[in-house]
Structure formats: structure tokens, C-alpha cells
PDB file of N, CA and C in Angstrom:
ATOM      1  N   MET A   1     -40.705 -65.551  67.850  1.00  0.00           N
ATOM      2  CA  MET A   1     -40.985 -66.904  67.622  1.00  0.00           C
ATOM      3  C   MET A   1     -39.756 -67.403  67.693  1.00  0.00           C
ATOM      4  N   MET A   2     -40.018 -68.440  68.295  1.00  0.00           N
ATOM      5  CA  MET A   2     -38.514 -69.072  68.892  1.00  0.00           C
ATOM      6  C   MET A   2     -37.675 -69.438  68.206  1.00  0.00           C
ATOM      7  N   GLY A   3     -36.695 -70.298  68.144  1.00  0.00           N
ATOM      8  CA  GLY A   3     -36.376 -70.845  66.770  1.00  0.00           C
ATOM      9  C   GLY A   3     -36.611 -72.037  66.831  1.00  0.00           C
ATOM     10  N   ILE A   4     -35.940 -73.124  65.872  1.00  0.00           N
ATOM     11  CA  ILE A   4     -36.353 -74.004  65.428  1.00  0.00           C
ATOM     12  C   ILE A   4     -36.637 -75.312  66.466  1.00  0.00           C
ATOM     13  N   THR A   5     -35.348 -74.981  67.153  1.00  0.00           N
ATOM     14  CA  THR A   5     -36.081 -76.816  68.668  1.00  0.00           C
ATOM     15  C   THR A   5     -37.525 -75.711  69.578  1.00  0.00           C
ATOM     16  N   GLY A   6     -37.167 -74.878  69.834  1.00  0.00           N
ATOM     17  CA  GLY A   6     -38.015 -74.268  70.775  1.00  0.00           C
ATOM     18  C   GLY A   6     -39.351 -73.657  70.727  1.00  0.00           C
ATOM     19  N   ASN A   7     -39.777 -74.312  69.266  1.00  0.00           N
ATOM     20  CA  ASN A   7     -41.138 -73.401  68.939  1.00  0.00           C
ATOM     21  C   ASN A   7     -42.106 -74.413  68.685  1.00  0.00           C
ATOM     22  N   LYS A   8     -43.182 -74.544  69.589  1.00  0.00           N
ATOM     23  CA  LYS A   8     -43.834 -75.801  69.129  1.00  0.00           C
ATOM     24  C   LYS A   8     -44.697 -75.451  68.492  1.00  0.00           C
ATOM     25  N   LYS A   9     -45.326 -74.172  67.763  1.00  0.00           N
ATOM     26  CA  LYS A   9     -46.212 -73.940  66.943  1.00  0.00           C
ATOM     27  C   LYS A   9     -45.489 -73.792  65.573  1.00  0.00           C
ATOM     28  N   ARG A  10     -46.036 -74.875  64.910  1.00  0.00           N
ATOM     29  CA  ARG A  10     -46.384 -74.539  63.285  1.00  0.00           C
ATOM     30  C   ARG A  10     -46.222 -73.757  62.974  1.00  0.00           C
ATOM     31  N   THR A  11     -45.113 -73.605  61.325  1.00  0.00           N
ATOM     32  CA  THR A  11     -45.362 -71.979  60.770  1.00  0.00           C
ATOM     33  C   THR A  11     -45.548 -72.892  59.366  1.00  0.00           C
ATOM     34  N   PHE A  12     -47.038 -71.822  58.925  1.00  0.00           N
ATOM     35  CA  PHE A  12     -46.982 -72.335  57.325  1.00  0.00           C
ATOM     36  C   PHE A  12     -47.048 -71.006  56.140  1.00  0.00           C
ATOM     37  N   ILE A  13     -46.331 -71.609  55.482  1.00  0.00           N
ATOM     38  CA  ILE A  13     -45.943 -70.791  54.520  1.00  0.00           C
ATOM     39  C   ILE A  13     -46.542 -71.184  52.675  1.00  0.00           C
ATOM     40  N   THR A  14     -46.572 -70.272  51.967  1.00  0.00           N
ATOM     41  CA  THR A  14     -46.688 -70.360  50.875  1.00  0.00           C
ATOM     42  C   THR A  14     -45.231 -69.169  50.207  1.00  0.00           C
ATOM     43  N   TYR A  15     -44.691 -70.137  49.100  1.00  0.00           N
ATOM     44  CA  TYR A  15     -43.585 -69.426  48.595  1.00  0.00           C
ATOM     45  C   TYR A  15     -43.493 -69.736  47.080  1.00  0.00           C
ATOM     46  N   VAL A  16     -42.724 -68.612  46.480  1.00  0.00           N
ATOM     47  CA  VAL A  16     -42.516 -69.253  44.815  1.00  0.00           C
ATOM     48  C   VAL A  16     -41.142 -69.222  44.298  1.00  0.00           C
ATOM     49  N   LEU A  17     -40.344 -69.964  43.610  1.00  0.00           N
ATOM     50  CA  LEU A  17     -39.294 -70.175  42.821  1.00  0.00           C
ATOM     51  C   LEU A  17     -39.546 -69.046  41.971  1.00  0.00           C
ATOM     52  N   LYS A  18     -38.488 -68.492  41.369  1.00  0.00           N
ATOM     53  CA  LYS A  18     -38.115 -67.412  40.213  1.00  0.00           C
ATOM     54  C   LYS A  18     -37.410 -67.840  39.521  1.00  0.00           C
ATOM     55  N   ASN A  19     -36.972 -67.191  38.101  1.00  0.00           N
ATOM     56  CA  ASN A  19     -35.414 -67.079  37.460  1.00  0.00           C
ATOM     57  C   ASN A  19     -35.253 -66.723  37.292  1.00  0.00           C
ATOM     58  N   GLU A  20     -33.541 -66.551  36.689  1.00  0.00           N
ATOM     59  CA  GLU A  20     -33.067 -65.286  36.561  1.00  0.00           C
ATOM     60  C   GLU A  20     -33.884 -64.247  35.746  1.00  0.00           C
ATOM     61  N   LYS A  21     -34.597 -64.152  35.239  1.00  0.00           N
ATOM     62  CA  LYS A  21     -35.246 -62.702  34.941  1.00  0.00           C
ATOM     63  C   LYS A  21     -36.318 -62.594  36.052  1.00  0.00           C
ATOM     64  N   GLY A  22     -35.973 -63.217  37.174  1.00  0.00           N
ATOM     65  CA  GLY A  22     -37.688 -62.985  38.179  1.00  0.00           C
ATOM     66  C   GLY A  22     -39.133 -62.675  37.690  1.00  0.00           C
ATOM     67  N   GLU A  23     -39.091 -64.401  36.878  1.00  0.00           N
ATOM     68  CA  GLU A  23     -40.195 -65.109  36.547  1.00  0.00           C
ATOM     69  C   GLU A  23     -40.858 -65.832  37.489  1.00  0.00           C
ATOM     70  N   ILE A  24     -41.800 -66.181  37.964  1.00  0.00           N
ATOM     71  CA  ILE A  24     -42.368 -67.649  38.481  1.00  0.00           C
ATOM     72  C   ILE A  24     -42.471 -68.328  37.717  1.00  0.00           C
ATOM     73  N   VAL A  25     -41.631 -69.194  38.435  1.00  0.00           N
ATOM     74  CA  VAL A  25     -41.849 -70.561  37.816  1.00  0.00           C
ATOM     75  C   VAL A  25     -42.273 -71.781  38.825  1.00  0.00           C
ATOM     76  N   TYR A  26     -42.335 -71.643  39.632  1.00  0.00           N
ATOM     77  CA  TYR A  26     -43.147 -72.783  40.317  1.00  0.00           C
ATOM     78  C   TYR A  26     -43.798 -72.517  41.757  1.00  0.00           C
ATOM     79  N   VAL A  27     -44.991 -72.513  42.075  1.00  0.00           N
ATOM     80  CA  VAL A  27     -45.612 -72.138  43.592  1.00  0.00           C
ATOM     81  C   VAL A  27     -45.953 -73.143  44.608  1.00  0.00           C
ATOM     82  N   GLY A  28     -45.091 -73.274  45.765  1.00  0.00           N
ATOM     83  CA  GLY A  28     -44.969 -74.277  46.216  1.00  0.00           C
ATOM     84  C   GLY A  28     -45.697 -73.628  47.696  1.00  0.00           C
ATOM     85  N   ARG A  29     -45.933 -74.681  48.336  1.00  0.00           N
ATOM     86  CA  ARG A  29     -46.359 -74.672  49.853  1.00  0.00           C
ATOM     87  C   ARG A  29     -45.512 -75.507  51.127  1.00  0.00           C
ATOM     88  N   ALA A  30     -44.817 -74.573  52.386  1.00  0.00           N
ATOM     89  CA  ALA A  30     -44.342 -76.108  53.583  1.00  0.00           C
ATOM     90  C   ALA A  30     -44.605 -75.173  54.988  1.00  0.00           C
ATOM     91  N   ALA A  31     -44.210 -76.658  55.773  1.00  0.00           N
ATOM     92  CA  ALA A  31     -45.390 -76.000  57.066  1.00  0.00           C
ATOM     93  C   ALA A  31     -43.654 -76.540  58.020  1.00  0.00           C
ATOM     94  N   GLY A  32     -43.799 -76.157  58.893  1.00  0.00           N
ATOM     95  CA  GLY A  32     -42.325 -76.330  60.131  1.00  0.00           C
ATOM     96  C   GLY A  32     -42.445 -75.524  60.783  1.00  0.00           C
ATOM     97  N   TYR A  33     -41.251 -76.171  61.874  1.00  0.00           N
ATOM     98  CA  TYR A  33     -41.210 -75.492  62.882  1.00  0.00           C
ATOM     99  C   TYR A  33     -40.509 -74.535  63.060  1.00  0.00           C
ATOM    100  N   GLY A  34     -40.303 -73.065  63.852  1.00  0.00           N
ATOM    101  CA  GLY A  34     -39.784 -72.122  63.402  1.00  0.00           C
ATOM    102  C   GLY A  34     -40.216 -70.906  62.788  1.00  0.00           C
ATOM    103  N   SER A  35     -39.134 -70.015  61.906  1.00  0.00           N
ATOM    104  CA  SER A  35     -38.958 -68.715  61.557  1.00  0.00           C
ATOM    105  C   SER A  35     -39.771 -69.518  59.634  1.00  0.00           C
ATOM    106  N   PRO A  36     -40.344 -68.677  59.221  1.00  0.00           N
ATOM    107  CA  PRO A  36     -40.948 -68.291  57.933  1.00  0.00           C
ATOM    108  C   PRO A  36     -39.576 -69.133  57.253  1.00  0.00           C
ATOM    109  N   LYS A  37     -38.531 -68.379  57.505  1.00  0.00           N
ATOM    110  CA  LYS A  37     -37.149 -68.568  56.577  1.00  0.00           C
ATOM    111  C   LYS A  37     -36.939 -69.896  56.982  1.00  0.00           C
ATOM    112  N   ASP A  38     -36.713 -70.316  58.134  1.00  0.00           N
ATOM    113  CA  ASP A  38     -36.218 -71.905  58.727  1.00  0.00           C
ATOM    114  C   ASP A  38     -37.454 -73.207  57.789  1.00  0.00           C
ATOM    115  N   VAL A  39     -38.697 -72.659  57.554  1.00  0.00           N
ATOM    116  CA  VAL A  39     -39.217 -73.451  57.027  1.00  0.00           C
ATOM    117  C   VAL A  39     -38.873 -73.227  55.420  1.00  0.00           C
ATOM    118  N   LEU A  40     -39.008 -72.187  54.800  1.00  0.00           N
ATOM    119  CA  LEU A  40     -38.230 -72.732  53.533  1.00  0.00           C
ATOM    120  C   LEU A  40     -37.305 -73.294  52.908  1.00  0.00           C
ATOM    121  N   TYR A  41     -35.990 -72.850  54.028  1.00  0.00           N
ATOM    122  CA  TYR A  41     -34.543 -73.492  54.258  1.00  0.00           C
ATOM    123  C   TYR A  41     -35.323 -75.176  54.100  1.00  0.00           C
ATOM    124  N   GLY A  42     -35.746 -75.355  55.438  1.00  0.00           N
ATOM    125  CA  GLY A  42     -36.266 -76.834  55.164  1.00  0.00           C
ATOM    126  C   GLY A  42     -37.031 -77.732  54.395  1.00  0.00           C
ATOM    127  N   ARG A  43     -37.660 -76.539  53.462  1.00  0.00           N
ATOM    128  CA  ARG A  43     -38.416 -77.833  52.279  1.00  0.00           C
ATOM    129  C   ARG A  43     -37.419 -77.556  51.404  1.00  0.00           C
ATOM    130  N   LEU A  44     -36.728 -76.589  50.958  1.00  0.00           N
ATOM    131  CA  LEU A  44     -36.042 -76.776  50.146  1.00  0.00           C
ATOM    132  C   LEU A  44     -34.426 -77.959  49.941  1.00  0.00           C
ATOM    133  N   THR A  45     -34.240 -78.012  50.956  1.00  0.00           N
ATOM    134  CA  THR A  45     -33.146 -78.755  51.270  1.00  0.00           C
ATOM    135  C   THR A  45     -33.403 -80.139  51.495  1.00  0.00           C
ATOM    136  N   LYS A  46     -34.602 -80.431  51.517  1.00  0.00           N
ATOM    137  CA  LYS A  46     -35.260 -82.040  52.090  1.00  0.00           C
ATOM    138  C   LYS A  46     -36.194 -82.766  49.853  1.00  0.00           C
ATOM    139  N   ASN A  47     -35.213 -82.731  49.243  1.00  0.00           N
ATOM    140  CA  ASN A  47     -35.747 -83.523  48.216  1.00  0.00           C
ATOM    141  C   ASN A  47     -36.319 -82.953  47.905  1.00  0.00           C
ATOM    142  N   HIS A  48     -36.349 -81.323  46.981  1.00  0.00           N
ATOM    143  CA  HIS A  48     -37.339 -80.530  46.166  1.00  0.00           C
ATOM    144  C   HIS A  48     -36.830 -80.510  44.873  1.00  0.00           C
ATOM    145  N   HIS A  49     -37.616 -81.691  43.629  1.00  0.00           N
ATOM    146  CA  HIS A  49     -37.764 -81.857  42.794  1.00  0.00           C
ATOM    147  C   HIS A  49     -36.692 -81.428  41.505  1.00  0.00           C
ATOM    148  N   VAL A  50     -38.008 -79.618  42.180  1.00  0.00           N
ATOM    149  CA  VAL A  50     -37.714 -78.462  41.295  1.00  0.00           C
ATOM    150  C   VAL A  50     -36.631 -78.021  41.427  1.00  0.00           C
ATOM    151  N   PHE A  51     -36.426 -77.274  42.542  1.00  0.00           N
ATOM    152  CA  PHE A  51     -35.335 -77.021  42.907  1.00  0.00           C
ATOM    153  C   PHE A  51     -33.636 -77.620  42.882  1.00  0.00           C
ATOM    154  N   GLU A  52     -33.541 -78.525  43.284  1.00  0.00           N
ATOM    155  CA  GLU A  52     -32.560 -79.627  42.585  1.00  0.00           C
ATOM    156  C   GLU A  52     -32.285 -79.591  41.715  1.00  0.00           C
ATOM    157  N   SER A  53     -33.643 -79.761  40.691  1.00  0.00           N
ATOM    158  CA  SER A  53     -32.800 -79.937  39.328  1.00  0.00           C
ATOM    159  C   SER A  53     -32.779 -78.518  38.938  1.00  0.00           C
ATOM    160  N   ASN A  54     -33.044 -77.052  39.204  1.00  0.00           N
ATOM    161  CA  ASN A  54     -32.164 -75.850  39.127  1.00  0.00           C
ATOM    162  C   ASN A  54     -32.068 -75.294  39.740  1.00  0.00           C
ATOM    163  N   PRO A  55     -30.855 -75.370  40.490  1.00  0.00           N
ATOM    164  CA  PRO A  55     -30.697 -74.661  41.151  1.00  0.00           C
ATOM    165  C   PRO A  55     -30.302 -72.823  41.688  1.00  0.00           C
ATOM    166  N   GLU A  56     -30.434 -72.213  39.881  1.00  0.00           N
ATOM    167  CA  GLU A  56     -30.172 -70.702  39.277  1.00  0.00           C
ATOM    168  C   GLU A  56     -31.496 -70.520  40.245  1.00  0.00           C
ATOM    169  N   LEU A  57     -32.383 -71.292  40.336  1.00  0.00           N
ATOM    170  CA  LEU A  57     -33.819 -70.324  41.100  1.00  0.00           C
ATOM    171  C   LEU A  57     -33.328 -70.265  42.016  1.00  0.00           C
ATOM    172  N   VAL A  58     -34.245 -68.819  42.445  1.00  0.00           N
ATOM    173  CA  VAL A  58     -34.167 -68.040  43.638  1.00  0.00           C
ATOM    174  C   VAL A  58     -36.078 -67.740  44.179  1.00  0.00           C
ATOM    175  N   ALA A  59     -36.104 -68.667  45.815  1.00  0.00           N
ATOM    176  CA  ALA A  59     -37.409 -68.311  46.573  1.00  0.00           C
ATOM    177  C   ALA A  59     -37.639 -67.193  46.862  1.00  0.00           C
ATOM    178  N   ASP A  60     -39.020 -67.398  47.269  1.00  0.00           N
ATOM    179  CA  ASP A  60     -39.458 -65.745  47.542  1.00  0.00           C
ATOM    180  C   ASP A  60     -40.358 -66.247  48.561  1.00  0.00           C
ATOM    181  N   ILE A  61     -40.713 -65.849  49.963  1.00  0.00           N
ATOM    182  CA  ILE A  61     -41.859 -66.516  50.279  1.00  0.00           C
ATOM    183  C   ILE A  61     -42.961 -65.410  50.117  1.00  0.00           C
ATOM    184  N   ILE A  62     -44.163 -66.116  49.998  1.00  0.00           N
ATOM    185  CA  ILE A  62     -44.922 -64.638  49.298  1.00  0.00           C
ATOM    186  C   ILE A  62     -46.371 -64.212  50.282  1.00  0.00           C
ATOM    187  N   ALA A  63     -46.545 -65.570  51.216  1.00  0.00           N
ATOM    188  CA  ALA A  63     -47.626 -65.649  52.284  1.00  0.00           C
ATOM    189  C   ALA A  63     -47.185 -66.980  52.930  1.00  0.00           C
ATOM    190  N   ILE A  64     -47.842 -66.278  54.531  1.00  0.00           N
ATOM    191  CA  ILE A  64     -48.233 -66.842  55.666  1.00  0.00           C
ATOM    192  C   ILE A  64     -49.442 -67.309  55.944  1.00  0.00           C
ATOM    193  N   GLN A  65     -49.053 -68.274  56.528  1.00  0.00           N
ATOM    194  CA  GLN A  65     -51.031 -69.044  57.106  1.00  0.00           C
ATOM    195  C   GLN A  65     -50.329 -69.295  58.125  1.00  0.00           C
ATOM    196  N   GLY A  66     -52.245 -69.412  58.899  1.00  0.00           N
ATOM    197  CA  GLY A  66     -52.178 -70.034  60.514  1.00  0.00           C
ATOM    198  C   GLY A  66     -52.586 -71.466  60.410  1.00  0.00           C
ATOM    199  N   ASN A  67     -52.859 -71.552  59.227  1.00  0.00           N
ATOM    200  CA  ASN A  67     -53.206 -73.242  59.868  1.00  0.00           C
ATOM    201  C   ASN A  67     -52.927 -74.384  58.537  1.00  0.00           C
ATOM    202  N   ARG A  68     -52.925 -75.897  58.504  1.00  0.00           N
ATOM    203  CA  ARG A  68     -53.020 -75.982  56.608  1.00  0.00           C
ATOM    204  C   ARG A  68     -53.746 -76.090  56.212  1.00  0.00           C
ATOM    205  N   ALA A  69     -55.085 -75.822  56.569  1.00  0.00           N
ATOM    206  CA  ALA A  69     -55.899 -75.567  55.643  1.00  0.00           C
ATOM    207  C   ALA A  69     -56.236 -74.133  54.387  1.00  0.00           C
ATOM    208  N   ALA A  70     -55.718 -73.546  55.062  1.00  0.00           N
ATOM    209  CA  ALA A  70     -55.193 -72.014  54.790  1.00  0.00           C
ATOM    210  C   ALA A  70     -53.598 -72.421  53.514  1.00  0.00           C
ATOM    211  N   ASN A  71     -53.295 -72.837  54.432  1.00  0.00           N
ATOM    212  CA  ASN A  71     -51.645 -73.340  53.876  1.00  0.00           C
ATOM    213  C   ASN A  71     -52.443 -73.967  52.227  1.00  0.00           C
ATOM    214  N   MET A  72     -52.981 -74.544  52.562  1.00  0.00           N
ATOM    215  CA  MET A  72     -53.976 -75.579  51.108  1.00  0.00           C
ATOM    216  C   MET A  72     -54.068 -74.730  50.256  1.00  0.00           C
ATOM    217  N   GLY A  73     -55.157 -74.183  50.500  1.00  0.00           N
ATOM    218  CA  GLY A  73     -55.538 -72.945  49.935  1.00  0.00           C
ATOM    219  C   GLY A  73     -54.937 -71.734  49.425  1.00  0.00           C
ATOM    220  N   ALA A  74     -54.051 -71.755  50.148  1.00  0.00           N
ATOM    221  CA  ALA A  74     -53.416 -70.016  49.505  1.00  0.00           C
ATOM    222  C   ALA A  74     -52.246 -70.997  47.961  1.00  0.00           C
ATOM    223  N   GLU A  75     -51.722 -72.082  48.426  1.00  0.00           N
ATOM    224  CA  GLU A  75     -50.578 -72.316  47.509  1.00  0.00           C
ATOM    225  C   GLU A  75     -51.904 -72.343  46.161  1.00  0.00           C
ATOM    226  N   GLU A  76     -52.858 -73.031  46.072  1.00  0.00           N
ATOM    227  CA  GLU A  76     -54.067 -73.518  45.058  1.00  0.00           C
ATOM    228  C   GLU A  76     -54.343 -71.700  44.896  1.00  0.00           C
ATOM    229  N   VAL A  77     -54.990 -70.939  45.600  1.00  0.00           N
ATOM    230  CA  VAL A  77     -55.314 -69.234  44.876  1.00  0.00           C
ATOM    231  C   VAL A  77     -53.717 -68.834  44.370  1.00  0.00           C
ATOM    232  N   TRP A  78     -52.663 -69.281  44.656  1.00  0.00           N
ATOM    233  CA  TRP A  78     -51.665 -68.276  44.027  1.00  0.00           C
ATOM    234  C   TRP A  78     -51.177 -68.757  43.004  1.00  0.00           C
ATOM    235  N   TYR A  79     -51.139 -70.213  42.406  1.00  0.00           N
ATOM    236  CA  TYR A  79     -51.166 -71.372  41.724  1.00  0.00           C
ATOM    237  C   TYR A  79     -51.962 -70.727  40.262  1.00  0.00           C
ATOM    238  N   THR A  80     -53.239 -69.976  40.619  1.00  0.00           N
ATOM    239  CA  THR A  80     -54.018 -70.282  39.847  1.00  0.00           C
ATOM    240  C   THR A  80     -53.689 -68.833  39.347  1.00  0.00           C
ATOM    241  N   TYR A  81     -54.059 -67.563  40.390  1.00  0.00           N
ATOM    242  CA  TYR A  81     -53.217 -66.744  39.741  1.00  0.00           C
ATOM    243  C   TYR A  81     -52.181 -66.697  38.795  1.00  0.00           C
ATOM    244  N   PHE A  82     -50.770 -66.939  39.448  1.00  0.00           N
ATOM    245  CA  PHE A  82     -49.822 -66.558  38.514  1.00  0.00           C
ATOM    246  C   PHE A  82     -49.911 -67.611  36.897  1.00  0.00           C
ATOM    247  N   LYS A  83     -50.898 -68.695  37.062  1.00  0.00           N
ATOM    248  CA  LYS A  83     -51.414 -69.373  35.992  1.00  0.00           C
ATOM    249  C   LYS A  83     -51.832 -68.627  35.061  1.00  0.00           C
ATOM    250  N   GLY A  84     -52.791 -68.296  35.642  1.00  0.00           N
ATOM    251  CA  GLY A  84     -53.725 -66.665  34.785  1.00  0.00           C
ATOM    252  C   GLY A  84     -52.779 -65.884  34.190  1.00  0.00           C
ATOM    253  N   GLU A  85     -51.763 -65.429  34.852  1.00  0.00           N
ATOM    254  CA  GLU A  85     -50.925 -63.892  34.760  1.00  0.00           C
ATOM    255  C   GLU A  85     -50.016 -64.386  33.762  1.00  0.00           C
ATOM    256  N   GLY A  86     -50.448 -65.651  33.034  1.00  0.00           N
ATOM    257  CA  GLY A  86     -49.400 -66.351  31.978  1.00  0.00           C
ATOM    258  C   GLY A  86     -48.091 -66.619  32.215  1.00  0.00           C
ATOM    259  N   HIS A  87     -48.039 -66.867  33.295  1.00  0.00           N
ATOM    260  CA  HIS A  87     -46.848 -67.795  33.581  1.00  0.00           C
ATOM    261  C   HIS A  87     -46.527 -69.090  33.775  1.00  0.00           C
ATOM    262  N   THR A  88     -45.714 -69.940  32.986  1.00  0.00           N
ATOM    263  CA  THR A  88     -45.588 -71.089  33.133  1.00  0.00           C
ATOM    264  C   THR A  88     -44.930 -71.523  33.616  1.00  0.00           C
ATOM    265  N   LEU A  89     -45.403 -71.855  34.458  1.00  0.00           N
ATOM    266  CA  LEU A  89     -44.659 -73.003  35.827  1.00  0.00           C
ATOM    267  C   LEU A  89     -44.381 -74.413  35.650  1.00  0.00           C
ATOM    268  N   LEU A  90     -43.276 -74.654  36.887  1.00  0.00           N
ATOM    269  CA  LEU A  90     -42.879 -76.002  36.694  1.00  0.00           C
ATOM    270  C   LEU A  90     -43.760 -77.403  37.599  1.00  0.00           C
ATOM    271  N   ASN A  91     -44.678 -76.991  38.455  1.00  0.00           N
ATOM    272  CA  ASN A  91     -45.607 -77.689  39.125  1.00  0.00           C
ATOM    273  C   ASN A  91     -45.937 -78.741  38.241  1.00  0.00           C
ATOM    274  N   LYS A  92     -46.545 -79.920  38.663  1.00  0.00           N
ATOM    275  CA  LYS A  92     -46.813 -81.172  38.151  1.00  0.00           C
ATOM    276  C   LYS A  92     -47.952 -81.231  37.485  1.00  0.00           C
ATOM    277  N   ASN A  93     -48.602 -80.784  39.058  1.00  0.00           N
ATOM    278  CA  ASN A  93     -50.096 -80.789  38.782  1.00  0.00           C
ATOM    279  C   ASN A  93     -50.582 -79.522  39.868  1.00  0.00           C
ATOM    280  N   PRO A  94     -51.947 -78.789  39.540  1.00  0.00           N
ATOM    281  CA  PRO A  94     -52.492 -77.777  40.332  1.00  0.00           C
ATOM    282  C   PRO A  94     -52.538 -78.352  41.954  1.00  0.00           C
ATOM    283  N   PRO A  95     -51.998 -77.689  42.845  1.00  0.00           N
ATOM    284  CA  PRO A  95     -52.217 -78.315  43.935  1.00  0.00           C
ATOM    285  C   PRO A  95     -53.884 -78.305  44.469  1.00  0.00           C
ATOM    286  N   LEU A  96     -54.620 -78.389  44.313  1.00  0.00           N
ATOM    287  CA  LEU A  96     -56.012 -78.831  44.638  1.00  0.00           C
ATOM    288  C   LEU A  96     -56.946 -79.430  43.563  1.00  0.00           C
ATOM    289  N   SER A  97     -57.744 -81.372  43.801  1.00  0.00           N
ATOM    290  CA  SER A  97     -58.541 -81.089  42.703  1.00  0.00           C
ATOM    291  C   SER A  97     -59.284 -80.530  42.868  1.00  0.00           C
ATOM    292  N   TRP A  98     -60.068 -80.645  41.629  1.00  0.00           N
ATOM    293  CA  TRP A  98     -61.603 -79.950  41.620  1.00  0.00           C
ATOM    294  C   TRP A  98     -62.327 -81.348  40.857  1.00  0.00           C
ATOM    295  N   SER A  99     -62.472 -82.288  40.727  1.00  0.00           N
ATOM    296  CA  SER A  99     -63.477 -82.971  40.405  1.00  0.00           C
ATOM    297  C   SER A  99     -64.595 -83.113  41.276  1.00  0.00           C
ATOM    298  N   LYS A 100     -65.341 -83.671  40.809  1.00  0.00           N
ATOM    299  CA  LYS A 100     -66.661 -83.806  41.424  1.00  0.00           C
ATOM    300  C   LYS A 100     -66.509 -84.152  43.041  1.00  0.00           C
ATOM    301  N   ILE A 101     -66.071 -85.143  43.394  1.00  0.00           N
ATOM    302  CA  ILE A 101     -65.922 -85.969  44.282  1.00  0.00           C
ATOM    303  C   ILE A 101     -64.770 -84.721  45.826  1.00  0.00           C
ATOM    304  N   LYS A 102     -63.608 -84.147  45.223  1.00  0.00           N
ATOM    305  CA  LYS A 102     -62.942 -83.399  45.501  1.00  0.00           C
ATOM    306  C   LYS A 102     -63.233 -82.334  45.937  1.00  0.00           C
ATOM    307  N   ALA A 103     -63.941 -81.819  44.742  1.00  0.00           N
ATOM    308  CA  ALA A 103     -64.041 -79.776  44.852  1.00  0.00           C
ATOM    309  C   ALA A 103     -64.877 -79.542  46.253  1.00  0.00           C
ATOM    310  N   PRO A 104     -65.908 -79.700  46.914  1.00  0.00           N
ATOM    311  CA  PRO A 104     -66.186 -79.572  47.993  1.00  0.00           C
ATOM    312  C   PRO A 104     -64.999 -79.072  49.409  1.00  0.00           C
ATOM    313  N   ILE A 105     -63.835 -80.011  49.081  1.00  0.00           N
ATOM    314  CA  ILE A 105     -63.037 -79.778  50.496  1.00  0.00           C
ATOM    315  C   ILE A 105     -61.724 -79.104  50.376  1.00  0.00           C
ATOM    316  N   SER A 106     -61.773 -78.705  48.355  1.00  0.00           N
ATOM    317  CA  SER A 106     -60.492 -77.973  47.646  1.00  0.00           C
ATOM    318  C   SER A 106     -61.393 -76.682  48.169  1.00  0.00           C
ATOM    319  N   ARG A 107     -62.888 -76.657  47.723  1.00  0.00           N
ATOM    320  CA  ARG A 107     -63.432 -75.147  48.202  1.00  0.00           C
ATOM    321  C   ARG A 107     -63.297 -74.290  49.367  1.00  0.00           C
ATOM    322  N   TRP A 108     -63.618 -75.444  50.365  1.00  0.00           N
ATOM    323  CA  TRP A 108     -62.872 -75.426  51.989  1.00  0.00           C
ATOM    324  C   TRP A 108     -61.671 -74.840  52.115  1.00  0.00           C
ATOM    325  N   ARG A 109     -61.053 -75.412  51.771  1.00  0.00           N
ATOM    326  CA  ARG A 109     -59.355 -75.467  52.063  1.00  0.00           C
ATOM    327  C   ARG A 109     -58.974 -73.627  51.353  1.00  0.00           C
ATOM    328  N   VAL A 110     -59.916 -73.083  50.315  1.00  0.00           N
ATOM    329  CA  VAL A 110     -59.562 -71.983  49.490  1.00  0.00           C
ATOM    330  C   VAL A 110     -60.625 -71.173  50.249  1.00  0.00           C
ATOM    331  N   ARG A 111     -61.225 -71.077  51.211  1.00  0.00           N
ATOM    332  CA  ARG A 111     -62.148 -70.456  51.801  1.00  0.00           C
ATOM    333  C   ARG A 111     -61.357 -69.934  53.253  1.00  0.00           C
ATOM    334  N   ALA A 112     -60.599 -71.460  53.789  1.00  0.00           N
ATOM    335  CA  ALA A 112     -60.278 -71.451  55.037  1.00  0.00           C
ATOM    336  C   ALA A 112     -58.736 -70.067  54.090  1.00  0.00           C
ATOM    337  N   TYR A 113     -58.129 -70.142  53.841  1.00  0.00           N
ATOM    338  CA  TYR A 113     -57.509 -69.346  53.479  1.00  0.00           C
ATOM    339  C   TYR A 113     -57.897 -67.315  53.226  1.00  0.00           C
ATOM    340  N   ALA A 114     -59.160 -67.224  52.742  1.00  0.00           N
ATOM    341  CA  ALA A 114     -59.438 -66.038  52.209  1.00  0.00           C
ATOM    342  C   ALA A 114     -59.857 -65.535  54.034  1.00  0.00           C
ATOM    343  N   ASP A 115     -60.692 -66.806  54.788  1.00  0.00           N
ATOM    344  CA  ASP A 115     -60.623 -66.196  56.303  1.00  0.00           C
ATOM    345  C   ASP A 115     -59.440 -65.850  57.375  1.00  0.00           C
ATOM    346  N   ASP A 116     -58.187 -66.936  56.720  1.00  0.00           N
ATOM    347  CA  ASP A 116     -57.688 -66.231  57.107  1.00  0.00           C
ATOM    348  C   ASP A 116     -56.451 -65.022  56.872  1.00  0.00           C
ATOM    349  N   LEU A 117     -56.890 -64.590  56.098  1.00  0.00           N
ATOM    350  CA  LEU A 117     -56.377 -63.496  55.577  1.00  0.00           C
ATOM    351  C   LEU A 117     -57.072 -62.219  56.426  1.00  0.00           C
ATOM    352  N   LEU A 118     -58.396 -62.176  56.591  1.00  0.00           N
ATOM    353  CA  LEU A 118     -58.762 -62.042  58.111  1.00  0.00           C
ATOM    354  C   LEU A 118     -58.563 -61.826  59.622  1.00  0.00           C
ATOM    355  N   MET A 119     -57.782 -62.257  59.491  1.00  0.00           N
ATOM    356  CA  MET A 119     -57.156 -62.580  60.868  1.00  0.00           C
ATOM    357  C   MET A 119     -56.809 -61.933  61.188  1.00  0.00           C
ATOM    358  N   PRO A 120     -56.144 -61.086  62.460  1.00  0.00           N
ATOM    359  CA  PRO A 120     -55.351 -60.069  63.169  1.00  0.00           C
ATOM    360  C   PRO A 120     -53.679 -60.586  63.050  1.00  0.00           C
TER     361      PRO A 120
END
């Protein structure tokens, strides 16, 4: 990939924030130009309420996606996974809405992530 200014293709990532014990306390997503690390740095330095309130947290990229829908679906999948494993997450709300009206688009986004995982 080219540097931040030369890359015309967006990079989509899913990341976690871990506490000093290594426990996952936050799941997030970000998109931008440059390497996955560039995108993560950009997200954490632009008014990230959880990271700014908890500067001891350590960020880790856990997945890279090829498009925005997959990015949104990935955040939901990982959020649900870590929540189900008993992690206490600092996320204010679940990433996607599962209300009757929004459930179809949420399912589509999760499916987009599943499809993205199959891409070479």
C-alpha cells in the first residue's frame, strides 16, 4: 500500500482496546487512507471518547475488511463475540441496531463481513 497521501483506496479495520490485564474493553471500527496502522492512529487521535478517557488502554487491530458494509458487520460480529465471552465493554451501544425496521440492513452488513472473509 502507498503512504497516507498517495493511497486512493480506503482501508477498513476493526480494532479492540485492551486494559492493563490484556482484557478486551472496547470494540471499534475505522476507515481511512494508508496502512491499517495509519488508519488506527488516525481514529485514536480524533476525539475518541473511550481512548482519551482511558489513556492506559492499548489498541490492537483484529481484522481488516474490503468495504464499508463488511467493516460495519465485522464490528457487530466482534462486539457480540467478546460480549458473549463475558468481557465488560465500554461501548455505549451495540454497533448495529436489530430493531424490526433495521434488522434487514444489519443482517446484510454481517453477511457482507462473512462474504469479505471468503475473499482472497
